[in-house]
Amino acid sequence: MKARIELSDDNGNTYSGDVVLAPTTGQRRLRTPRPATPTPAATTSRDLDFTLSSRAFIRKHAALADSGAKKFVLLLSWIAKGKTDRQVDGEALRKEWDKVRGPIGADYQTMSATRARDNGWIDSPKHGVFKLARDWKRALSG
């Protein structure tokens, strides 16, 4: 259902607009807005704490990863504990991604691995296997 709303303020100015209304299925309580949570201080790639659980790690350091490729590097770094000599099976990475989908804010995309590799942040010694490149922290340094 469409409705047209016209409002006037105390100064005589008129405002109008069209809205689409949807039927409700009963009484609905208005929710009071939740107070904004303070943003934690910005972290750097030097401050990564691999002793945290995967969800806590991603939540704490999500500000460092503003693209799918950087999110891929962030999760890979947690699994590999920051070590460049550890190989991580792609299926294990995908399963861990599914566990942290909420905090990471995106579904798993194979293109993220491709872009991370194109940027030199990860290596893929063979199909379906990933490891951090020597310069991987560059992905998480702003």
N, C-alpha and C. Protein backbone atom coordinates (compact mmCIF):
# COMPACT_ATOMS: atom_id res chain seq x y z
N MET A 1 0.84 -1.16 0.00
CA MET A 1 0.00 0.00 0.00
C MET A 1 0.89 1.24 0.00
N LYS A 2 0.55 2.20 -0.80
CA LYS A 2 1.30 3.45 -0.86
C LYS A 2 0.56 4.52 -0.09
N ALA A 3 1.32 5.43 0.49
CA ALA A 3 0.73 6.56 1.22
C ALA A 3 1.55 7.80 0.93
N ARG A 4 0.91 8.93 0.95
CA ARG A 4 1.59 10.21 0.77
C ARG A 4 1.49 10.95 2.10
N ILE A 5 2.62 11.43 2.58
CA ILE A 5 2.67 12.12 3.87
C ILE A 5 3.08 13.56 3.64
N GLU A 6 2.37 14.47 4.26
CA GLU A 6 2.71 15.89 4.21
C GLU A 6 2.79 16.40 5.64
N LEU A 7 3.89 17.07 5.94
CA LEU A 7 4.12 17.63 7.28
C LEU A 7 4.45 19.10 7.16
N SER A 8 4.08 19.83 8.20
CA SER A 8 4.43 21.26 8.26
C SER A 8 5.17 21.49 9.57
N ASP A 9 6.23 22.30 9.51
CA ASP A 9 6.95 22.62 10.74
C ASP A 9 6.42 23.93 11.32
N ASP A 10 6.99 24.36 12.44
CA ASP A 10 6.53 25.56 13.13
C ASP A 10 6.73 26.83 12.31
N ASN A 11 7.64 26.79 11.33
CA ASN A 11 7.91 27.96 10.50
C ASN A 11 7.03 28.03 9.26
N GLY A 12 6.15 27.05 9.11
CA GLY A 12 5.26 27.07 7.96
C GLY A 12 5.80 26.33 6.75
N ASN A 13 6.97 25.74 6.86
CA ASN A 13 7.54 24.95 5.76
C ASN A 13 6.79 23.62 5.66
N THR A 14 6.52 23.20 4.41
CA THR A 14 5.80 21.95 4.19
C THR A 14 6.74 20.93 3.57
N TYR A 15 6.67 19.72 4.07
CA TYR A 15 7.47 18.60 3.58
C TYR A 15 6.53 17.49 3.18
N SER A 16 6.83 16.82 2.06
CA SER A 16 5.95 15.74 1.63
C SER A 16 6.79 14.62 1.02
N GLY A 17 6.19 13.43 1.01
CA GLY A 17 6.87 12.29 0.41
C GLY A 17 5.95 11.10 0.32
N ASP A 18 6.31 10.15 -0.54
CA ASP A 18 5.54 8.94 -0.72
C ASP A 18 6.24 7.80 0.02
N VAL A 19 5.47 6.93 0.62
CA VAL A 19 6.02 5.78 1.33
C VAL A 19 5.21 4.55 0.95
N VAL A 20 5.84 3.39 1.07
CA VAL A 20 5.17 2.12 0.85
C VAL A 20 4.98 1.48 2.22
N LEU A 21 3.75 1.14 2.54
CA LEU A 21 3.43 0.54 3.83
C LEU A 21 3.17 -0.95 3.65
N ALA A 22 3.62 -1.72 4.62
CA ALA A 22 3.40 -3.17 4.60
C ALA A 22 2.49 -3.53 5.75
N PRO A 23 1.62 -4.52 5.55
CA PRO A 23 0.72 -4.93 6.64
C PRO A 23 1.52 -5.55 7.78
N THR A 24 1.04 -5.35 8.99
CA THR A 24 1.67 -5.96 10.16
C THR A 24 0.87 -7.17 10.56
N THR A 25 1.50 -8.05 11.32
CA THR A 25 0.83 -9.28 11.75
C THR A 25 0.44 -9.21 13.21
N GLY A 26 0.16 -8.06 13.72
CA GLY A 26 -0.23 -7.91 15.11
C GLY A 26 0.46 -6.72 15.73
N GLN A 27 0.41 -6.66 17.04
CA GLN A 27 1.04 -5.54 17.75
C GLN A 27 2.55 -5.64 17.63
N ARG A 28 3.17 -4.54 17.35
CA ARG A 28 4.63 -4.47 17.30
C ARG A 28 5.08 -3.40 18.26
N ARG A 29 6.04 -3.75 19.05
CA ARG A 29 6.61 -2.78 19.97
C ARG A 29 7.71 -2.02 19.28
N LEU A 30 7.76 -0.75 19.55
CA LEU A 30 8.86 0.04 19.01
C LEU A 30 10.11 -0.27 19.82
N ARG A 31 11.20 -0.47 19.12
CA ARG A 31 12.45 -0.75 19.78
C ARG A 31 13.18 0.53 20.06
N THR A 32 13.74 0.63 21.21
CA THR A 32 14.57 1.79 21.49
C THR A 32 15.94 1.53 20.89
N PRO A 33 16.51 2.52 20.26
CA PRO A 33 17.80 2.30 19.62
C PRO A 33 18.86 1.95 20.65
N ARG A 34 19.72 1.03 20.26
CA ARG A 34 20.80 0.60 21.11
C ARG A 34 21.89 1.67 21.10
N PRO A 35 22.48 1.97 22.25
CA PRO A 35 23.55 2.96 22.24
C PRO A 35 24.73 2.45 21.41
N ALA A 36 25.36 3.36 20.75
CA ALA A 36 26.50 2.99 19.90
C ALA A 36 27.63 2.43 20.75
N THR A 37 28.21 1.33 20.26
CA THR A 37 29.33 0.77 20.99
C THR A 37 30.59 1.52 20.60
N PRO A 38 31.43 1.80 21.55
CA PRO A 38 32.64 2.54 21.21
C PRO A 38 33.53 1.71 20.29
N THR A 39 34.13 2.37 19.34
CA THR A 39 35.03 1.70 18.42
C THR A 39 36.36 1.46 19.12
N PRO A 40 36.85 0.22 19.07
CA PRO A 40 38.12 -0.02 19.73
C PRO A 40 39.25 0.73 19.02
N ALA A 41 40.29 0.97 19.75
CA ALA A 41 41.44 1.67 19.17
C ALA A 41 41.93 0.87 17.97
N ALA A 42 42.37 1.56 16.97
CA ALA A 42 42.85 0.91 15.75
C ALA A 42 44.03 0.00 16.07
N THR A 43 43.98 -1.19 15.49
CA THR A 43 45.08 -2.11 15.68
C THR A 43 45.94 -2.10 14.43
N THR A 44 47.13 -2.60 14.56
CA THR A 44 48.02 -2.73 13.42
C THR A 44 48.35 -4.19 13.25
N SER A 45 48.93 -4.54 12.12
CA SER A 45 49.27 -5.94 11.88
C SER A 45 50.31 -6.44 12.87
N ARG A 46 51.04 -5.54 13.51
CA ARG A 46 52.03 -5.96 14.52
C ARG A 46 51.35 -6.43 15.79
N ASP A 47 50.09 -6.01 16.03
CA ASP A 47 49.38 -6.32 17.26
C ASP A 47 48.53 -7.58 17.17
N LEU A 48 48.68 -8.39 16.15
CA LEU A 48 47.82 -9.55 15.97
C LEU A 48 48.04 -10.56 17.10
N ASP A 49 46.95 -11.01 17.71
CA ASP A 49 47.01 -11.94 18.83
C ASP A 49 46.44 -13.28 18.37
N PHE A 50 47.32 -14.21 18.01
CA PHE A 50 46.89 -15.50 17.47
C PHE A 50 46.41 -16.47 18.54
N THR A 51 46.47 -16.07 19.82
CA THR A 51 45.98 -16.95 20.88
C THR A 51 44.46 -16.84 21.04
N LEU A 52 43.84 -15.84 20.43
CA LEU A 52 42.38 -15.66 20.50
C LEU A 52 41.69 -16.74 19.68
N SER A 53 40.41 -16.98 19.98
CA SER A 53 39.61 -17.86 19.12
C SER A 53 39.44 -17.18 17.76
N SER A 54 39.05 -17.95 16.77
CA SER A 54 38.93 -17.37 15.42
C SER A 54 37.93 -16.21 15.40
N ARG A 55 36.77 -16.37 16.05
CA ARG A 55 35.75 -15.30 16.05
C ARG A 55 36.26 -14.06 16.77
N ALA A 56 36.90 -14.25 17.92
CA ALA A 56 37.44 -13.10 18.66
C ALA A 56 38.54 -12.42 17.86
N PHE A 57 39.37 -13.19 17.21
CA PHE A 57 40.46 -12.65 16.39
C PHE A 57 39.91 -11.79 15.25
N ILE A 58 38.92 -12.33 14.54
CA ILE A 58 38.33 -11.59 13.42
C ILE A 58 37.64 -10.33 13.91
N ARG A 59 36.87 -10.43 15.00
CA ARG A 59 36.18 -9.25 15.54
C ARG A 59 37.19 -8.17 15.95
N LYS A 60 38.27 -8.58 16.57
CA LYS A 60 39.26 -7.62 17.05
C LYS A 60 39.99 -6.92 15.92
N HIS A 61 40.27 -7.66 14.86
CA HIS A 61 41.12 -7.12 13.79
C HIS A 61 40.38 -6.85 12.49
N ALA A 62 39.06 -6.89 12.50
CA ALA A 62 38.28 -6.70 11.27
C ALA A 62 38.53 -5.34 10.61
N ALA A 63 38.88 -4.34 11.40
CA ALA A 63 39.12 -3.00 10.84
C ALA A 63 40.33 -3.00 9.91
N LEU A 64 41.20 -3.98 10.04
CA LEU A 64 42.38 -4.05 9.17
C LEU A 64 42.04 -4.59 7.80
N ALA A 65 40.88 -5.24 7.66
CA ALA A 65 40.54 -5.92 6.42
C ALA A 65 39.29 -5.31 5.81
N ASP A 66 39.47 -4.43 4.84
CA ASP A 66 38.33 -3.76 4.22
C ASP A 66 37.97 -4.32 2.85
N SER A 67 38.54 -5.46 2.47
CA SER A 67 38.19 -6.10 1.20
C SER A 67 38.19 -7.61 1.42
N GLY A 68 37.60 -8.31 0.47
CA GLY A 68 37.56 -9.77 0.58
C GLY A 68 38.95 -10.39 0.61
N ALA A 69 39.86 -9.85 -0.20
CA ALA A 69 41.22 -10.37 -0.24
C ALA A 69 41.91 -10.17 1.11
N LYS A 70 41.71 -9.02 1.72
CA LYS A 70 42.33 -8.75 3.02
C LYS A 70 41.70 -9.62 4.11
N LYS A 71 40.39 -9.86 4.02
CA LYS A 71 39.73 -10.74 4.97
C LYS A 71 40.27 -12.16 4.83
N PHE A 72 40.52 -12.57 3.61
CA PHE A 72 41.10 -13.89 3.35
C PHE A 72 42.47 -13.98 4.02
N VAL A 73 43.30 -12.96 3.84
CA VAL A 73 44.63 -12.95 4.46
C VAL A 73 44.52 -12.95 5.98
N LEU A 74 43.59 -12.19 6.51
CA LEU A 74 43.41 -12.13 7.96
C LEU A 74 43.07 -13.51 8.52
N LEU A 75 42.12 -14.20 7.90
CA LEU A 75 41.75 -15.52 8.40
C LEU A 75 42.87 -16.53 8.18
N LEU A 76 43.51 -16.47 7.03
CA LEU A 76 44.64 -17.37 6.76
C LEU A 76 45.76 -17.14 7.78
N SER A 77 45.99 -15.89 8.14
CA SER A 77 47.04 -15.60 9.12
C SER A 77 46.68 -16.20 10.48
N TRP A 78 45.39 -16.20 10.85
CA TRP A 78 44.98 -16.81 12.13
C TRP A 78 45.21 -18.32 12.09
N ILE A 79 44.80 -18.95 10.99
CA ILE A 79 44.95 -20.40 10.89
C ILE A 79 46.43 -20.79 10.91
N ALA A 80 47.26 -20.02 10.19
CA ALA A 80 48.69 -20.33 10.11
C ALA A 80 49.47 -19.74 11.27
N LYS A 81 48.79 -19.03 12.17
CA LYS A 81 49.41 -18.38 13.34
C LYS A 81 50.55 -17.44 12.93
N GLY A 82 50.40 -16.83 11.74
CA GLY A 82 51.36 -15.83 11.27
C GLY A 82 52.61 -16.41 10.66
N LYS A 83 52.70 -17.71 10.55
CA LYS A 83 53.90 -18.38 10.03
C LYS A 83 53.80 -18.55 8.52
N THR A 84 54.83 -18.15 7.81
CA THR A 84 54.81 -18.22 6.35
C THR A 84 55.15 -19.60 5.82
N ASP A 85 55.60 -20.50 6.67
CA ASP A 85 55.96 -21.84 6.20
C ASP A 85 54.83 -22.86 6.37
N ARG A 86 53.71 -22.45 6.94
CA ARG A 86 52.59 -23.37 7.15
C ARG A 86 51.65 -23.36 5.96
N GLN A 87 51.35 -24.55 5.45
CA GLN A 87 50.40 -24.68 4.36
C GLN A 87 49.02 -24.99 4.95
N VAL A 88 48.00 -24.32 4.41
CA VAL A 88 46.64 -24.47 4.90
C VAL A 88 45.77 -25.00 3.77
N ASP A 89 45.07 -26.08 4.05
CA ASP A 89 44.17 -26.66 3.08
C ASP A 89 43.00 -25.71 2.83
N GLY A 90 42.65 -25.52 1.58
CA GLY A 90 41.57 -24.60 1.23
C GLY A 90 40.24 -24.98 1.84
N GLU A 91 39.98 -26.27 1.97
CA GLU A 91 38.72 -26.72 2.56
C GLU A 91 38.67 -26.38 4.05
N ALA A 92 39.79 -26.49 4.74
CA ALA A 92 39.85 -26.11 6.16
C ALA A 92 39.62 -24.61 6.30
N LEU A 93 40.17 -23.83 5.39
CA LEU A 93 39.97 -22.39 5.43
C LEU A 93 38.51 -22.04 5.18
N ARG A 94 37.89 -22.72 4.24
CA ARG A 94 36.48 -22.47 3.94
C ARG A 94 35.59 -22.81 5.14
N LYS A 95 35.88 -23.92 5.82
CA LYS A 95 35.10 -24.29 7.00
C LYS A 95 35.25 -23.26 8.11
N GLU A 96 36.47 -22.78 8.30
CA GLU A 96 36.70 -21.76 9.34
C GLU A 96 35.99 -20.47 8.95
N TRP A 97 36.00 -20.12 7.66
CA TRP A 97 35.30 -18.92 7.17
C TRP A 97 33.81 -19.02 7.51
N ASP A 98 33.23 -20.21 7.32
CA ASP A 98 31.81 -20.38 7.64
C ASP A 98 31.55 -20.13 9.13
N LYS A 99 32.49 -20.49 9.98
CA LYS A 99 32.33 -20.28 11.42
C LYS A 99 32.37 -18.80 11.79
N VAL A 100 33.11 -18.01 11.02
CA VAL A 100 33.29 -16.58 11.36
C VAL A 100 32.57 -15.68 10.37
N ARG A 101 31.61 -16.22 9.64
CA ARG A 101 30.91 -15.44 8.62
C ARG A 101 30.28 -14.18 9.19
N GLY A 102 29.71 -14.26 10.38
CA GLY A 102 29.10 -13.08 11.00
C GLY A 102 30.11 -11.97 11.25
N PRO A 103 31.16 -12.23 12.03
CA PRO A 103 32.15 -11.17 12.29
C PRO A 103 32.92 -10.72 11.05
N ILE A 104 33.11 -11.64 10.11
CA ILE A 104 33.90 -11.25 8.93
C ILE A 104 33.03 -10.45 7.96
N GLY A 105 31.72 -10.64 8.03
CA GLY A 105 30.80 -9.80 7.27
C GLY A 105 30.66 -10.13 5.81
N ALA A 106 31.02 -11.34 5.40
CA ALA A 106 30.90 -11.69 3.99
C ALA A 106 30.92 -13.21 3.84
N ASP A 107 30.34 -13.69 2.75
CA ASP A 107 30.43 -15.11 2.42
C ASP A 107 31.79 -15.38 1.78
N TYR A 108 32.22 -16.63 1.81
CA TYR A 108 33.48 -17.03 1.20
C TYR A 108 33.39 -16.90 -0.31
N GLN A 109 34.38 -16.29 -0.91
CA GLN A 109 34.46 -16.16 -2.36
C GLN A 109 35.85 -16.59 -2.81
N THR A 110 35.93 -17.47 -3.80
CA THR A 110 37.24 -17.92 -4.27
C THR A 110 38.03 -16.77 -4.88
N MET A 111 37.34 -15.76 -5.35
CA MET A 111 38.02 -14.59 -5.95
C MET A 111 38.88 -13.88 -4.91
N SER A 112 38.51 -13.96 -3.64
CA SER A 112 39.31 -13.30 -2.59
C SER A 112 40.72 -13.89 -2.55
N ALA A 113 40.82 -15.21 -2.68
CA ALA A 113 42.14 -15.86 -2.69
C ALA A 113 42.92 -15.43 -3.93
N THR A 114 42.24 -15.36 -5.06
CA THR A 114 42.91 -14.96 -6.29
C THR A 114 43.47 -13.54 -6.17
N ARG A 115 42.67 -12.63 -5.63
CA ARG A 115 43.14 -11.24 -5.49
C ARG A 115 44.25 -11.13 -4.46
N ALA A 116 44.17 -11.91 -3.39
CA ALA A 116 45.24 -11.89 -2.39
C ALA A 116 46.54 -12.40 -3.00
N ARG A 117 46.44 -13.44 -3.83
CA ARG A 117 47.63 -13.97 -4.51
C ARG A 117 48.16 -12.96 -5.53
N ASP A 118 47.26 -12.31 -6.27
CA ASP A 118 47.69 -11.30 -7.24
C ASP A 118 48.42 -10.13 -6.58
N ASN A 119 48.05 -9.82 -5.33
CA ASN A 119 48.71 -8.73 -4.61
C ASN A 119 49.98 -9.17 -3.91
N GLY A 120 50.30 -10.46 -3.97
CA GLY A 120 51.52 -10.96 -3.37
C GLY A 120 51.43 -11.19 -1.87
N TRP A 121 50.21 -11.31 -1.33
CA TRP A 121 50.02 -11.49 0.10
C TRP A 121 50.00 -12.96 0.50
N ILE A 122 49.62 -13.84 -0.44
CA ILE A 122 49.60 -15.27 -0.18
C ILE A 122 50.25 -16.00 -1.35
N ASP A 123 50.61 -17.25 -1.10
CA ASP A 123 51.09 -18.14 -2.16
C ASP A 123 50.16 -19.33 -2.20
N SER A 124 50.13 -20.00 -3.34
CA SER A 124 49.35 -21.22 -3.48
C SER A 124 50.26 -22.24 -4.15
N PRO A 125 51.00 -23.03 -3.35
CA PRO A 125 51.96 -23.97 -3.92
C PRO A 125 51.32 -25.01 -4.82
N LYS A 126 50.07 -25.39 -4.52
CA LYS A 126 49.32 -26.28 -5.39
C LYS A 126 47.84 -25.97 -5.24
N HIS A 127 47.05 -26.49 -6.13
CA HIS A 127 45.61 -26.19 -6.13
C HIS A 127 44.99 -26.54 -4.80
N GLY A 128 44.26 -25.57 -4.22
CA GLY A 128 43.54 -25.80 -2.98
C GLY A 128 44.39 -25.72 -1.72
N VAL A 129 45.61 -25.24 -1.84
CA VAL A 129 46.49 -25.10 -0.68
C VAL A 129 47.03 -23.67 -0.67
N PHE A 130 47.01 -23.05 0.51
CA PHE A 130 47.44 -21.66 0.64
C PHE A 130 48.46 -21.52 1.76
N LYS A 131 49.32 -20.53 1.61
CA LYS A 131 50.21 -20.16 2.69
C LYS A 131 50.49 -18.67 2.59
N LEU A 132 50.85 -18.09 3.71
CA LEU A 132 51.14 -16.66 3.74
C LEU A 132 52.43 -16.38 2.98
N ALA A 133 52.44 -15.31 2.22
CA ALA A 133 53.66 -14.89 1.55
C ALA A 133 54.52 -14.12 2.57
N ARG A 134 55.77 -13.96 2.25
CA ARG A 134 56.70 -13.28 3.14
C ARG A 134 56.21 -11.88 3.51
N ASP A 135 55.54 -11.23 2.57
CA ASP A 135 55.11 -9.84 2.75
C ASP A 135 53.62 -9.73 3.13
N TRP A 136 53.05 -10.73 3.77
CA TRP A 136 51.61 -10.78 4.01
C TRP A 136 51.10 -9.66 4.91
N LYS A 137 51.90 -9.15 5.81
CA LYS A 137 51.43 -8.11 6.74
C LYS A 137 51.12 -6.81 6.02
N ARG A 138 51.66 -6.64 4.83
CA ARG A 138 51.36 -5.45 4.03
C ARG A 138 49.85 -5.33 3.74
N ALA A 139 49.18 -6.48 3.64
CA ALA A 139 47.74 -6.48 3.37
C ALA A 139 46.96 -5.85 4.51
N LEU A 140 47.49 -5.91 5.71
CA LEU A 140 46.75 -5.47 6.90
C LEU A 140 47.33 -4.19 7.48
N SER A 141 48.10 -3.48 6.70
CA SER A 141 48.73 -2.25 7.21
C SER A 141 48.09 -1.02 6.59
N GLY A 142 46.78 -0.93 6.76
CA GLY A 142 46.07 0.27 6.31
C GLY A 142 45.96 0.34 4.89
